[in-house]
Amino acid sequence: MIRYGKSTQNAIAAMSRLSEAYEDGGRLSSNDIAQSRDLSRTLIAKLLTQLSQAGLVSGATGPGGGYTLAKSPAEISLYDIAEVFERVGDKLTCPFGPNWCGTGETCPLHDKITQLDMEFENFLKATTFDLFSGKTGSV
């Protein structure tokens, strides 16, 4: 089941800012991104390092340096970000406890939770960062 926490949320905020700057070809510093999204520079720097290791952003040091998207915004989805910071593909957890679903008949909520989980995963996969760059993004 895909749920995402603060790291993914903040990484999406950072990536959305980089998407806004993508068309101009401009690089942004971690400080620029942090200020524009009202987040800590230290946090953004850490997230950008992880996103860089995942091949989603590229960074350069020195004058004219900073961060930019490693691919076009249309090639990066919200799911790509969630994959970096979350454990995707985890099995659904039954709200009735571990001894209900998977050991016999499913609980009364199982089918609806499974459906919602699939819808949310599809939403994350279909929503790309061109939505933030002024282009027509998928939703």
N, C-alpha and C. Protein backbone atom coordinates (compact mmCIF):
# COMPACT_ATOMS: atom_id res chain seq x y z
N MET A 1 0.85 -1.18 0.00
CA MET A 1 0.00 0.00 0.00
C MET A 1 0.89 1.23 0.00
N ILE A 2 0.60 2.15 -0.86
CA ILE A 2 1.39 3.37 -0.95
C ILE A 2 0.75 4.43 -0.08
N ARG A 3 1.48 4.86 0.86
CA ARG A 3 1.15 6.06 1.63
C ARG A 3 2.42 6.87 1.59
N TYR A 4 2.31 8.15 1.64
CA TYR A 4 3.57 8.87 1.69
C TYR A 4 3.58 9.85 2.84
N GLY A 5 4.80 10.03 3.35
CA GLY A 5 5.01 10.85 4.51
C GLY A 5 5.63 12.19 4.17
N LYS A 6 6.15 12.82 5.19
CA LYS A 6 6.70 14.18 5.08
C LYS A 6 7.86 14.27 4.09
N SER A 7 8.75 13.28 4.08
CA SER A 7 9.89 13.35 3.16
C SER A 7 9.41 13.39 1.71
N THR A 8 8.48 12.51 1.37
CA THR A 8 7.94 12.51 0.02
C THR A 8 7.21 13.82 -0.27
N GLN A 9 6.43 14.27 0.67
CA GLN A 9 5.69 15.53 0.50
C GLN A 9 6.66 16.69 0.24
N ASN A 10 7.72 16.78 1.03
CA ASN A 10 8.69 17.86 0.87
C ASN A 10 9.48 17.71 -0.42
N ALA A 11 9.77 16.47 -0.81
CA ALA A 11 10.48 16.23 -2.07
C ALA A 11 9.60 16.63 -3.26
N ILE A 12 8.31 16.37 -3.17
CA ILE A 12 7.39 16.80 -4.23
C ILE A 12 7.38 18.32 -4.31
N ALA A 13 7.39 18.98 -3.17
CA ALA A 13 7.44 20.46 -3.16
C ALA A 13 8.71 20.95 -3.84
N ALA A 14 9.84 20.35 -3.53
CA ALA A 14 11.11 20.75 -4.14
C ALA A 14 11.10 20.49 -5.64
N MET A 15 10.62 19.32 -6.03
CA MET A 15 10.57 18.97 -7.45
C MET A 15 9.61 19.87 -8.21
N SER A 16 8.52 20.28 -7.57
CA SER A 16 7.59 21.17 -8.25
C SER A 16 8.25 22.52 -8.52
N ARG A 17 9.08 22.97 -7.60
CA ARG A 17 9.79 24.24 -7.82
C ARG A 17 10.82 24.10 -8.95
N LEU A 18 11.53 22.98 -8.98
CA LEU A 18 12.48 22.74 -10.07
C LEU A 18 11.74 22.63 -11.41
N SER A 19 10.54 22.08 -11.39
CA SER A 19 9.73 21.98 -12.60
C SER A 19 9.33 23.36 -13.11
N GLU A 20 9.00 24.25 -12.19
CA GLU A 20 8.64 25.62 -12.58
C GLU A 20 9.81 26.31 -13.28
N ALA A 21 11.02 26.02 -12.85
CA ALA A 21 12.22 26.67 -13.41
C ALA A 21 12.77 25.93 -14.63
N TYR A 22 12.27 24.76 -14.92
CA TYR A 22 12.83 23.90 -15.96
C TYR A 22 12.82 24.55 -17.34
N GLU A 23 11.73 25.14 -17.72
CA GLU A 23 11.60 25.75 -19.05
C GLU A 23 12.63 26.84 -19.29
N ASP A 24 13.01 27.56 -18.24
CA ASP A 24 13.98 28.64 -18.36
C ASP A 24 15.41 28.11 -18.38
N GLY A 25 15.58 26.81 -18.12
CA GLY A 25 16.91 26.23 -18.09
C GLY A 25 17.73 26.66 -16.89
N GLY A 26 17.07 27.31 -15.95
CA GLY A 26 17.77 27.82 -14.78
C GLY A 26 18.02 26.76 -13.74
N ARG A 27 19.12 26.93 -13.06
CA ARG A 27 19.44 26.07 -11.93
C ARG A 27 19.06 26.82 -10.67
N LEU A 28 18.60 26.10 -9.69
CA LEU A 28 18.22 26.70 -8.42
C LEU A 28 19.07 26.12 -7.31
N SER A 29 19.43 26.96 -6.37
CA SER A 29 20.17 26.48 -5.20
C SER A 29 19.18 25.84 -4.23
N SER A 30 19.72 25.04 -3.33
CA SER A 30 18.85 24.44 -2.32
C SER A 30 18.21 25.54 -1.48
N ASN A 31 18.93 26.62 -1.28
CA ASN A 31 18.39 27.75 -0.53
C ASN A 31 17.21 28.40 -1.27
N ASP A 32 17.35 28.59 -2.59
CA ASP A 32 16.25 29.15 -3.39
C ASP A 32 15.00 28.28 -3.28
N ILE A 33 15.20 26.98 -3.40
CA ILE A 33 14.06 26.05 -3.34
C ILE A 33 13.43 26.07 -1.95
N ALA A 34 14.28 26.03 -0.93
CA ALA A 34 13.78 26.03 0.45
C ALA A 34 12.97 27.29 0.75
N GLN A 35 13.50 28.44 0.35
CA GLN A 35 12.79 29.69 0.61
C GLN A 35 11.46 29.75 -0.13
N SER A 36 11.44 29.29 -1.37
CA SER A 36 10.21 29.37 -2.15
C SER A 36 9.12 28.44 -1.63
N ARG A 37 9.51 27.40 -0.91
CA ARG A 37 8.53 26.45 -0.39
C ARG A 37 8.42 26.51 1.14
N ASP A 38 9.09 27.49 1.73
CA ASP A 38 9.06 27.70 3.18
C ASP A 38 9.48 26.45 3.95
N LEU A 39 10.60 25.87 3.51
CA LEU A 39 11.16 24.68 4.14
C LEU A 39 12.61 24.96 4.53
N SER A 40 13.16 24.11 5.36
CA SER A 40 14.54 24.30 5.81
C SER A 40 15.52 23.97 4.68
N ARG A 41 16.57 24.78 4.54
CA ARG A 41 17.58 24.55 3.52
C ARG A 41 18.29 23.23 3.75
N THR A 42 18.55 22.89 5.01
CA THR A 42 19.21 21.63 5.33
C THR A 42 18.37 20.45 4.87
N LEU A 43 17.08 20.51 5.13
CA LEU A 43 16.18 19.44 4.70
C LEU A 43 16.17 19.32 3.18
N ILE A 44 16.02 20.44 2.49
CA ILE A 44 15.98 20.42 1.03
C ILE A 44 17.28 19.89 0.46
N ALA A 45 18.42 20.29 1.03
CA ALA A 45 19.71 19.79 0.56
C ALA A 45 19.79 18.27 0.69
N LYS A 46 19.31 17.75 1.80
CA LYS A 46 19.31 16.30 2.02
C LYS A 46 18.41 15.59 1.00
N LEU A 47 17.21 16.13 0.79
CA LEU A 47 16.27 15.53 -0.16
C LEU A 47 16.83 15.59 -1.58
N LEU A 48 17.46 16.71 -1.95
CA LEU A 48 18.02 16.84 -3.29
C LEU A 48 19.16 15.85 -3.51
N THR A 49 19.92 15.57 -2.47
CA THR A 49 20.98 14.56 -2.58
C THR A 49 20.37 13.20 -2.90
N GLN A 50 19.31 12.83 -2.19
CA GLN A 50 18.65 11.55 -2.44
C GLN A 50 18.01 11.51 -3.83
N LEU A 51 17.41 12.61 -4.24
CA LEU A 51 16.80 12.68 -5.57
C LEU A 51 17.87 12.61 -6.66
N SER A 52 19.02 13.17 -6.39
CA SER A 52 20.14 13.11 -7.32
C SER A 52 20.65 11.67 -7.46
N GLN A 53 20.78 10.98 -6.34
CA GLN A 53 21.21 9.58 -6.35
C GLN A 53 20.23 8.70 -7.11
N ALA A 54 18.95 9.09 -7.10
CA ALA A 54 17.92 8.34 -7.82
C ALA A 54 17.84 8.73 -9.29
N GLY A 55 18.65 9.71 -9.71
CA GLY A 55 18.67 10.12 -11.11
C GLY A 55 17.55 11.05 -11.51
N LEU A 56 16.91 11.70 -10.54
CA LEU A 56 15.79 12.59 -10.85
C LEU A 56 16.20 14.05 -10.93
N VAL A 57 17.27 14.43 -10.25
CA VAL A 57 17.81 15.79 -10.35
C VAL A 57 19.31 15.69 -10.61
N SER A 58 19.85 16.76 -11.14
CA SER A 58 21.30 16.84 -11.28
C SER A 58 21.75 18.15 -10.66
N GLY A 59 22.92 18.11 -10.07
CA GLY A 59 23.44 19.28 -9.39
C GLY A 59 24.83 19.63 -9.91
N ALA A 60 25.14 20.90 -9.81
CA ALA A 60 26.46 21.40 -10.19
C ALA A 60 26.91 22.41 -9.15
N THR A 61 28.19 22.38 -8.83
CA THR A 61 28.72 23.33 -7.85
C THR A 61 29.35 24.52 -8.55
N GLY A 62 29.64 25.53 -7.78
CA GLY A 62 30.34 26.70 -8.29
C GLY A 62 29.40 27.73 -8.88
N PRO A 63 30.01 28.80 -9.47
CA PRO A 63 29.19 29.85 -10.09
C PRO A 63 28.32 29.27 -11.20
N GLY A 64 27.07 29.64 -11.19
CA GLY A 64 26.14 29.11 -12.17
C GLY A 64 25.65 27.71 -11.83
N GLY A 65 26.05 27.22 -10.66
CA GLY A 65 25.66 25.88 -10.24
C GLY A 65 24.25 25.87 -9.66
N GLY A 66 23.92 24.76 -9.10
CA GLY A 66 22.60 24.58 -8.50
C GLY A 66 22.01 23.28 -8.98
N TYR A 67 20.72 23.13 -8.80
CA TYR A 67 20.02 21.90 -9.15
C TYR A 67 19.04 22.15 -10.29
N THR A 68 18.86 21.11 -11.07
CA THR A 68 17.86 21.11 -12.13
C THR A 68 17.32 19.69 -12.26
N LEU A 69 16.20 19.55 -12.93
CA LEU A 69 15.66 18.22 -13.18
C LEU A 69 16.58 17.46 -14.13
N ALA A 70 16.76 16.18 -13.89
CA ALA A 70 17.60 15.35 -14.75
C ALA A 70 16.86 14.92 -16.02
N LYS A 71 15.53 15.01 -15.99
CA LYS A 71 14.69 14.66 -17.14
C LYS A 71 13.63 15.76 -17.27
N SER A 72 12.91 15.74 -18.35
CA SER A 72 11.84 16.72 -18.51
C SER A 72 10.76 16.46 -17.46
N PRO A 73 10.03 17.49 -17.06
CA PRO A 73 8.97 17.30 -16.06
C PRO A 73 7.93 16.25 -16.48
N ALA A 74 7.70 16.11 -17.77
CA ALA A 74 6.72 15.13 -18.26
C ALA A 74 7.18 13.69 -18.06
N GLU A 75 8.47 13.50 -17.82
CA GLU A 75 9.02 12.15 -17.65
C GLU A 75 9.14 11.75 -16.18
N ILE A 76 8.75 12.63 -15.28
CA ILE A 76 8.87 12.35 -13.84
C ILE A 76 7.48 12.39 -13.21
N SER A 77 7.10 11.32 -12.55
CA SER A 77 5.78 11.26 -11.91
C SER A 77 5.92 11.38 -10.39
N LEU A 78 4.80 11.63 -9.76
CA LEU A 78 4.78 11.65 -8.30
C LEU A 78 5.18 10.29 -7.75
N TYR A 79 4.84 9.23 -8.47
CA TYR A 79 5.21 7.87 -8.05
C TYR A 79 6.73 7.71 -8.02
N ASP A 80 7.42 8.32 -8.99
CA ASP A 80 8.89 8.25 -9.00
C ASP A 80 9.48 8.81 -7.71
N ILE A 81 8.87 9.85 -7.19
CA ILE A 81 9.34 10.44 -5.94
C ILE A 81 9.01 9.52 -4.77
N ALA A 82 7.79 9.02 -4.75
CA ALA A 82 7.38 8.11 -3.67
C ALA A 82 8.30 6.89 -3.61
N GLU A 83 8.74 6.39 -4.76
CA GLU A 83 9.64 5.23 -4.79
C GLU A 83 10.96 5.50 -4.08
N VAL A 84 11.40 6.75 -4.10
CA VAL A 84 12.68 7.10 -3.46
C VAL A 84 12.56 7.08 -1.94
N PHE A 85 11.44 7.55 -1.44
CA PHE A 85 11.31 7.78 0.00
C PHE A 85 10.39 6.80 0.74
N GLU A 86 9.63 6.01 0.02
CA GLU A 86 8.66 5.12 0.66
C GLU A 86 8.92 3.67 0.26
N ARG A 87 8.36 2.78 1.01
CA ARG A 87 8.41 1.36 0.66
C ARG A 87 7.17 1.06 -0.17
N VAL A 88 7.32 1.14 -1.47
CA VAL A 88 6.18 0.88 -2.35
C VAL A 88 6.06 -0.63 -2.54
N GLY A 89 4.88 -1.05 -2.83
CA GLY A 89 4.64 -2.48 -3.04
C GLY A 89 4.38 -3.26 -1.77
N ASP A 90 4.35 -2.57 -0.61
CA ASP A 90 4.04 -3.27 0.62
C ASP A 90 2.62 -3.82 0.55
N LYS A 91 2.43 -4.94 1.18
CA LYS A 91 1.12 -5.58 1.23
C LYS A 91 0.17 -4.73 2.09
N LEU A 92 -1.08 -4.70 1.70
CA LEU A 92 -2.09 -3.99 2.48
C LEU A 92 -2.18 -4.57 3.89
N THR A 93 -2.36 -3.71 4.85
CA THR A 93 -2.54 -4.14 6.23
C THR A 93 -4.03 -4.08 6.57
N CYS A 94 -4.54 -5.15 7.08
CA CYS A 94 -5.96 -5.21 7.42
C CYS A 94 -6.22 -4.36 8.66
N PRO A 95 -7.22 -3.46 8.59
CA PRO A 95 -7.55 -2.64 9.76
C PRO A 95 -8.15 -3.44 10.92
N PHE A 96 -8.54 -4.69 10.66
CA PHE A 96 -9.11 -5.53 11.71
C PHE A 96 -8.04 -6.33 12.44
N GLY A 97 -6.80 -6.19 12.02
CA GLY A 97 -5.71 -6.90 12.68
C GLY A 97 -5.12 -7.99 11.81
N PRO A 98 -3.98 -8.51 12.23
CA PRO A 98 -3.24 -9.47 11.41
C PRO A 98 -3.90 -10.83 11.26
N ASN A 99 -4.87 -11.16 12.09
CA ASN A 99 -5.46 -12.50 12.03
C ASN A 99 -6.78 -12.54 11.26
N TRP A 100 -7.06 -11.51 10.46
CA TRP A 100 -8.32 -11.50 9.73
C TRP A 100 -8.06 -11.77 8.25
N CYS A 101 -7.69 -10.74 7.49
CA CYS A 101 -7.40 -10.92 6.06
C CYS A 101 -6.14 -11.78 5.90
N GLY A 102 -6.17 -12.66 4.95
CA GLY A 102 -5.01 -13.51 4.69
C GLY A 102 -5.04 -14.82 5.45
N THR A 103 -5.98 -14.96 6.37
CA THR A 103 -6.07 -16.22 7.12
C THR A 103 -7.45 -16.86 6.96
N GLY A 104 -8.18 -16.35 6.02
CA GLY A 104 -9.53 -16.86 5.80
C GLY A 104 -10.28 -15.86 4.96
N GLU A 105 -11.53 -15.66 5.31
CA GLU A 105 -12.36 -14.70 4.59
C GLU A 105 -11.83 -13.28 4.83
N THR A 106 -11.92 -12.45 3.79
CA THR A 106 -11.43 -11.07 3.94
C THR A 106 -12.39 -10.25 4.80
N CYS A 107 -11.85 -9.17 5.36
CA CYS A 107 -12.66 -8.29 6.21
C CYS A 107 -13.65 -7.50 5.35
N PRO A 108 -14.63 -6.86 5.98
CA PRO A 108 -15.64 -6.11 5.22
C PRO A 108 -15.07 -4.91 4.46
N LEU A 109 -13.89 -4.43 4.84
CA LEU A 109 -13.30 -3.26 4.19
C LEU A 109 -12.28 -3.62 3.12
N HIS A 110 -11.91 -4.87 3.01
CA HIS A 110 -10.80 -5.29 2.15
C HIS A 110 -10.93 -4.81 0.71
N ASP A 111 -12.05 -5.09 0.07
CA ASP A 111 -12.21 -4.74 -1.34
C ASP A 111 -12.14 -3.24 -1.57
N LYS A 112 -12.77 -2.46 -0.70
CA LYS A 112 -12.77 -1.00 -0.87
C LYS A 112 -11.35 -0.44 -0.64
N ILE A 113 -10.66 -0.94 0.38
CA ILE A 113 -9.29 -0.47 0.64
C ILE A 113 -8.38 -0.82 -0.52
N THR A 114 -8.53 -2.02 -1.06
CA THR A 114 -7.72 -2.44 -2.21
C THR A 114 -8.00 -1.54 -3.41
N GLN A 115 -9.25 -1.22 -3.65
CA GLN A 115 -9.63 -0.35 -4.76
C GLN A 115 -9.04 1.05 -4.58
N LEU A 116 -9.18 1.62 -3.39
CA LEU A 116 -8.64 2.95 -3.13
C LEU A 116 -7.12 2.98 -3.27
N ASP A 117 -6.47 1.93 -2.81
CA ASP A 117 -5.02 1.85 -2.93
C ASP A 117 -4.60 1.84 -4.40
N MET A 118 -5.29 1.07 -5.22
CA MET A 118 -4.98 1.02 -6.65
C MET A 118 -5.24 2.37 -7.32
N GLU A 119 -6.32 3.03 -6.95
CA GLU A 119 -6.64 4.35 -7.51
C GLU A 119 -5.56 5.36 -7.14
N PHE A 120 -5.11 5.32 -5.89
CA PHE A 120 -4.09 6.26 -5.45
C PHE A 120 -2.76 5.99 -6.17
N GLU A 121 -2.39 4.73 -6.30
CA GLU A 121 -1.17 4.38 -7.01
C GLU A 121 -1.24 4.84 -8.47
N ASN A 122 -2.38 4.62 -9.11
CA ASN A 122 -2.56 5.07 -10.50
C ASN A 122 -2.48 6.59 -10.61
N PHE A 123 -3.04 7.29 -9.65
CA PHE A 123 -2.96 8.75 -9.62
C PHE A 123 -1.50 9.20 -9.54
N LEU A 124 -0.72 8.60 -8.64
CA LEU A 124 0.68 8.97 -8.50
C LEU A 124 1.47 8.68 -9.77
N LYS A 125 1.17 7.58 -10.42
CA LYS A 125 1.88 7.21 -11.65
C LYS A 125 1.49 8.12 -12.82
N ALA A 126 0.24 8.55 -12.86
CA ALA A 126 -0.25 9.34 -13.99
C ALA A 126 0.05 10.83 -13.84
N THR A 127 0.32 11.29 -12.64
CA THR A 127 0.54 12.71 -12.42
C THR A 127 2.02 13.03 -12.56
N THR A 128 2.32 13.81 -13.58
CA THR A 128 3.71 14.15 -13.86
C THR A 128 3.97 15.62 -13.52
N PHE A 129 5.25 15.94 -13.44
CA PHE A 129 5.64 17.28 -13.00
C PHE A 129 5.46 18.36 -14.05
N ASP A 130 5.07 18.01 -15.27
CA ASP A 130 4.76 19.07 -16.22
C ASP A 130 3.51 19.84 -15.78
N LEU A 131 2.77 19.25 -14.88
CA LEU A 131 1.64 19.94 -14.26
C LEU A 131 2.10 21.23 -13.59
N PHE A 132 3.32 21.22 -13.05
CA PHE A 132 3.86 22.37 -12.32
C PHE A 132 4.67 23.31 -13.21
N SER A 133 4.99 22.87 -14.41
CA SER A 133 5.84 23.70 -15.27
C SER A 133 5.04 24.57 -16.23
N GLY A 134 3.75 24.59 -16.05
CA GLY A 134 2.93 25.41 -16.94
C GLY A 134 2.45 24.64 -18.15
N LYS A 135 2.94 23.43 -18.33
CA LYS A 135 2.48 22.57 -19.41
C LYS A 135 1.23 21.83 -18.95
N THR A 136 0.57 21.17 -19.84
CA THR A 136 -0.60 20.40 -19.47
C THR A 136 -0.14 19.09 -18.88
N GLY A 137 -0.30 18.95 -17.57
CA GLY A 137 0.11 17.73 -16.88
C GLY A 137 -1.02 16.72 -16.81
N SER A 138 -0.65 15.51 -16.59
CA SER A 138 -1.65 14.45 -16.46
C SER A 138 -2.23 14.46 -15.06
N VAL A 139 -3.50 14.31 -14.97
CA VAL A 139 -4.14 14.16 -13.65
C VAL A 139 -5.23 13.14 -13.77
